[in-house]
Amino acid sequence: MSHVLDRWEPESKEFWLQEGKAVARRNLWISIPALMLAFVIWQVWSVAVLNMPNIGFSYSQNQLFWLAALPALSGATLRIFYSFMVPVFGGRKWTAISTASLLIPAIGIGFAVQDPNTSYITMVVLALLCGFGGGNFSSSMSNISFFFPKAEKGTALGLNAGLGNLGVSLVQFVVPLVITMGLFGSFGGEPQVWVKAAVHKKMWLQNALSGCPSSSCPPLPLGWG
């Protein structure tokens, strides 16, 4: 309860300079990496789907299309509900909960892609759970909007959304590198054999999830006070 704000008047210049500015900026700089992790999980599934046919998964093109599309559909739907979660739970608590929830699809997919016999229904559920990352965007923006006065609200929201979206670039840059090497030794599971035409090579597709920051970092709580 010591972190709950009893008074918040960002439009008051005196309050803003003496107390509000420091609290608002602290929340912003914690929110940005949390949102980045959310975008990582939201987008990483598309990389996994792209490689699944070459490591033994026998899904049809139509099934693969739906696996790639479901995180976007789920994330867009969850944004409707996530935008109301901050007033219900509080920004600090909800950011911790929503960031921790990203571990569910991250760990689940990390295990699922190691077995080509994993059922399609299981993959559908995991793809839908990746939508947690998309839903986090609306609650993150709603939370940061609360802290800043109107004169600085646009800059704060721009930084939160813009830097948070770097998670998309992080996926595209890092994942193709980490899936080509056994980063975690025996703890990372056995490699898959990636086959395309006459090309055969080892791949650790599970590293796309176990190597992402979201599964190796603790949830980031958003401090209110």
Protein backbone atom coordinates (compact mmCIF):
# COMPACT_ATOMS: atom_id res chain seq x y z
CA MET A 1 0.00 0.00 0.00
CA SER A 2 2.97 2.34 0.46
CA HIS A 3 3.31 2.49 -3.33
CA VAL A 4 -0.30 3.57 -3.93
CA LEU A 5 -0.65 7.22 -4.85
CA ASP A 6 -3.02 9.11 -2.57
CA ARG A 7 -2.60 12.33 -4.52
CA TRP A 8 -1.86 12.77 -8.20
CA GLU A 9 -2.12 16.22 -9.80
CA PRO A 10 0.17 16.26 -12.86
CA GLU A 11 -1.41 19.49 -14.13
CA SER A 12 -0.22 21.31 -11.02
CA LYS A 13 3.23 22.71 -11.87
CA GLU A 14 4.32 22.73 -8.25
CA PHE A 15 3.28 19.12 -7.66
CA TRP A 16 4.76 18.02 -11.00
CA LEU A 17 8.19 19.51 -10.31
CA GLN A 18 8.39 18.48 -6.67
CA GLU A 19 7.07 14.94 -6.87
CA GLY A 20 5.12 13.96 -9.97
CA LYS A 21 7.84 14.18 -12.63
CA ALA A 22 10.16 11.69 -10.91
CA VAL A 23 7.38 9.16 -10.34
CA ALA A 24 6.05 9.48 -13.88
CA ARG A 25 9.46 9.01 -15.48
CA ARG A 26 10.25 6.02 -13.30
CA ASN A 27 7.05 4.36 -14.42
CA LEU A 28 7.78 5.19 -18.06
CA TRP A 29 11.29 3.69 -18.04
CA ILE A 30 9.96 0.50 -16.46
CA SER A 31 7.01 0.34 -18.85
CA ILE A 32 9.14 0.53 -22.00
CA PRO A 33 11.13 -2.72 -21.52
CA ALA A 34 7.99 -4.49 -20.27
CA LEU A 35 6.19 -3.49 -23.47
CA MET A 36 9.20 -4.54 -25.54
CA LEU A 37 8.97 -8.03 -24.05
CA ALA A 38 5.29 -8.11 -24.92
CA PHE A 39 6.01 -7.33 -28.58
CA VAL A 40 8.73 -10.01 -28.63
CA ILE A 41 6.24 -12.69 -27.60
CA TRP A 42 3.56 -11.35 -29.91
CA GLN A 43 5.81 -11.54 -32.98
CA VAL A 44 8.08 -14.52 -32.26
CA TRP A 45 5.43 -17.06 -33.25
CA SER A 46 5.66 -15.97 -36.89
CA VAL A 47 9.34 -16.98 -36.92
CA ALA A 48 8.54 -20.37 -35.39
CA VAL A 49 5.77 -21.09 -37.91
CA LEU A 50 8.07 -20.28 -40.82
CA ASN A 51 10.52 -23.01 -39.81
CA MET A 52 8.13 -25.71 -38.61
CA PRO A 53 7.59 -27.47 -41.97
CA ASN A 54 11.35 -27.96 -42.37
CA ILE A 55 11.81 -29.70 -39.00
CA GLY A 56 9.16 -32.38 -39.40
CA PHE A 57 5.77 -30.75 -38.71
CA SER A 58 3.27 -31.94 -41.30
CA TYR A 59 0.72 -29.16 -41.04
CA SER A 60 -0.96 -27.96 -44.22
CA GLN A 61 -0.38 -24.50 -45.67
CA ASN A 62 -3.84 -23.50 -44.47
CA GLN A 63 -3.06 -24.65 -40.93
CA LEU A 64 0.24 -22.78 -40.94
CA PHE A 65 -1.55 -19.65 -42.15
CA TRP A 66 -3.94 -19.79 -39.21
CA LEU A 67 -1.11 -20.37 -36.75
CA ALA A 68 0.59 -17.24 -38.05
CA ALA A 69 -2.62 -15.20 -38.00
CA LEU A 70 -4.01 -16.20 -34.61
CA PRO A 71 -1.62 -14.13 -32.41
CA ALA A 72 -2.66 -10.97 -34.27
CA LEU A 73 -6.35 -11.84 -33.96
CA SER A 74 -5.99 -12.72 -30.29
CA GLY A 75 -3.91 -9.65 -29.48
CA ALA A 76 -6.33 -7.28 -31.21
CA THR A 77 -9.25 -8.78 -29.29
CA LEU A 78 -7.47 -8.72 -25.93
CA ARG A 79 -6.65 -5.03 -26.33
CA ILE A 80 -10.35 -4.28 -25.83
CA PHE A 81 -10.25 -5.86 -22.38
CA TYR A 82 -6.71 -4.98 -21.37
CA SER A 83 -7.44 -1.26 -21.65
CA PHE A 84 -9.81 -1.61 -18.66
CA MET A 85 -7.45 -3.64 -16.47
CA VAL A 86 -5.33 -0.77 -15.15
CA PRO A 87 -8.22 0.93 -13.27
CA VAL A 88 -9.30 -2.45 -11.91
CA PHE A 89 -5.94 -3.81 -10.69
CA GLY A 90 -3.73 -0.73 -10.62
CA GLY A 91 -0.84 -0.07 -12.98
CA ARG A 92 1.89 -1.61 -10.81
CA LYS A 93 0.07 -4.85 -10.18
CA TRP A 94 -1.35 -5.26 -13.69
CA THR A 95 2.03 -4.66 -15.37
CA ALA A 96 3.55 -7.37 -13.18
CA ILE A 97 0.70 -9.79 -13.94
CA SER A 98 0.56 -9.13 -17.67
CA THR A 99 4.35 -9.33 -18.09
CA ALA A 100 4.55 -12.56 -16.08
CA SER A 101 1.77 -14.06 -18.25
CA LEU A 102 4.11 -13.89 -21.24
CA LEU A 103 6.01 -16.82 -19.74
CA ILE A 104 3.06 -19.11 -20.49
CA PRO A 105 3.31 -19.02 -24.31
CA ALA A 106 7.11 -18.66 -24.19
CA ILE A 107 7.69 -21.83 -22.16
CA GLY A 108 4.83 -23.70 -23.85
CA ILE A 109 6.08 -23.12 -27.38
CA GLY A 110 9.66 -23.82 -26.30
CA PHE A 111 8.60 -27.37 -25.41
CA ALA A 112 6.01 -27.86 -28.17
CA VAL A 113 8.31 -27.18 -31.12
CA GLN A 114 10.71 -29.90 -29.96
CA ASP A 115 8.19 -32.63 -30.81
CA PRO A 116 6.87 -32.85 -34.41
CA ASN A 117 3.99 -34.96 -33.08
CA THR A 118 2.59 -32.06 -31.05
CA SER A 119 -1.08 -31.77 -31.89
CA TYR A 120 -2.35 -28.92 -34.01
CA ILE A 121 -4.87 -27.96 -31.33
CA THR A 122 -2.02 -27.46 -28.86
CA MET A 123 -0.28 -25.17 -31.32
CA VAL A 124 -3.50 -23.22 -31.87
CA VAL A 125 -3.85 -22.63 -28.12
CA LEU A 126 -0.23 -21.49 -27.86
CA ALA A 127 -0.65 -19.17 -30.84
CA LEU A 128 -3.69 -17.60 -29.18
CA LEU A 129 -1.75 -17.16 -25.95
CA CYS A 130 0.89 -15.18 -27.83
CA GLY A 131 -1.84 -12.57 -28.15
CA PHE A 132 -1.10 -11.65 -24.52
CA GLY A 133 1.74 -9.57 -25.93
CA GLY A 134 -0.58 -7.63 -28.20
CA GLY A 135 -3.06 -7.00 -25.43
CA ASN A 136 -0.32 -5.56 -23.23
CA PHE A 137 0.04 -2.62 -25.58
CA SER A 138 -3.32 -1.08 -24.72
CA SER A 139 -2.92 -1.46 -20.95
CA SER A 140 0.62 -0.08 -21.11
CA MET A 141 -0.47 3.00 -23.02
CA SER A 142 -3.47 3.52 -20.75
CA ASN A 143 -1.25 3.30 -17.69
CA ILE A 144 1.42 5.75 -18.91
CA SER A 145 -1.21 8.21 -20.10
CA PHE A 146 -2.39 8.57 -16.50
CA PHE A 147 0.96 9.80 -15.19
CA PHE A 148 1.79 12.71 -17.45
CA PRO A 149 0.27 16.19 -17.84
CA LYS A 150 -1.31 17.06 -21.17
CA ALA A 151 1.75 19.04 -22.25
CA GLU A 152 4.00 15.97 -21.96
CA LYS A 153 1.53 13.16 -22.59
CA GLY A 154 2.28 12.90 -26.32
CA THR A 155 6.03 12.60 -25.80
CA ALA A 156 5.63 9.98 -23.07
CA LEU A 157 3.21 7.87 -25.09
CA GLY A 158 5.43 8.18 -28.16
CA LEU A 159 8.46 6.93 -26.24
CA ASN A 160 6.49 4.09 -24.69
CA ALA A 161 5.01 2.91 -27.97
CA GLY A 162 8.01 3.64 -30.18
CA LEU A 163 10.69 2.07 -28.02
CA GLY A 164 8.38 -0.76 -26.99
CA ASN A 165 7.86 -1.62 -30.66
CA LEU A 166 11.58 -2.33 -30.92
CA GLY A 167 10.58 -5.77 -29.69
CA VAL A 168 9.49 -6.51 -33.26
CA SER A 169 12.94 -5.66 -34.61
CA LEU A 170 14.55 -7.62 -31.78
CA VAL A 171 12.68 -10.74 -32.87
CA GLN A 172 13.65 -10.35 -36.51
CA PHE A 173 17.31 -9.77 -35.67
CA VAL A 174 17.98 -12.09 -32.72
CA VAL A 175 15.82 -15.17 -33.37
CA PRO A 176 17.47 -16.20 -36.70
CA LEU A 177 20.79 -16.17 -34.82
CA VAL A 178 19.85 -18.04 -31.63
CA ILE A 179 18.04 -20.92 -33.39
CA THR A 180 21.24 -21.91 -35.18
CA MET A 181 23.25 -22.72 -32.06
CA GLY A 182 22.90 -24.77 -28.88
CA LEU A 183 22.97 -21.87 -26.47
CA PHE A 184 21.91 -23.79 -23.38
CA GLY A 185 23.68 -27.10 -23.85
CA SER A 186 21.80 -30.12 -22.51
CA PHE A 187 19.33 -27.84 -20.74
CA GLY A 188 18.11 -26.44 -24.06
CA GLY A 189 16.89 -29.75 -25.46
CA GLU A 190 17.94 -31.72 -28.51
CA PRO A 191 18.35 -29.99 -31.87
CA GLN A 192 16.00 -30.60 -34.77
CA VAL A 193 17.21 -31.45 -38.25
CA TRP A 194 16.26 -28.66 -40.65
CA VAL A 195 15.73 -30.10 -44.13
CA LYS A 196 15.08 -28.25 -47.36
CA ALA A 197 15.93 -29.89 -50.67
CA ALA A 198 19.51 -31.16 -50.32
CA VAL A 199 20.30 -28.92 -47.34
CA HIS A 200 20.45 -30.56 -43.92
CA LYS A 201 21.47 -28.69 -40.79
CA LYS A 202 20.82 -28.61 -37.08
CA MET A 203 18.37 -26.13 -35.60
CA TRP A 204 17.28 -25.33 -32.05
CA LEU A 205 13.89 -23.77 -32.77
CA GLN A 206 13.05 -23.84 -29.06
CA ASN A 207 15.72 -21.16 -28.58
CA ALA A 208 13.39 -18.71 -30.31
CA LEU A 209 11.36 -18.75 -27.10
CA SER A 210 13.80 -19.85 -24.41
CA GLY A 211 16.34 -17.38 -25.75
CA CYS A 212 13.95 -14.43 -25.76
CA PRO A 213 14.33 -11.89 -22.98
CA SER A 214 10.78 -12.54 -21.81
CA SER A 215 11.52 -16.05 -20.61
CA SER A 216 14.82 -15.25 -18.96
CA CYS A 217 13.89 -12.08 -17.10
CA PRO A 218 11.57 -11.71 -14.12
CA PRO A 219 8.36 -9.72 -14.56
CA LEU A 220 8.89 -6.00 -14.29
CA PRO A 221 6.56 -4.45 -11.69
CA LEU A 222 5.42 -0.93 -12.31
CA GLY A 223 5.95 1.16 -9.20
CA TRP A 224 3.21 3.65 -8.44
CA GLY A 225 4.97 5.59 -5.73
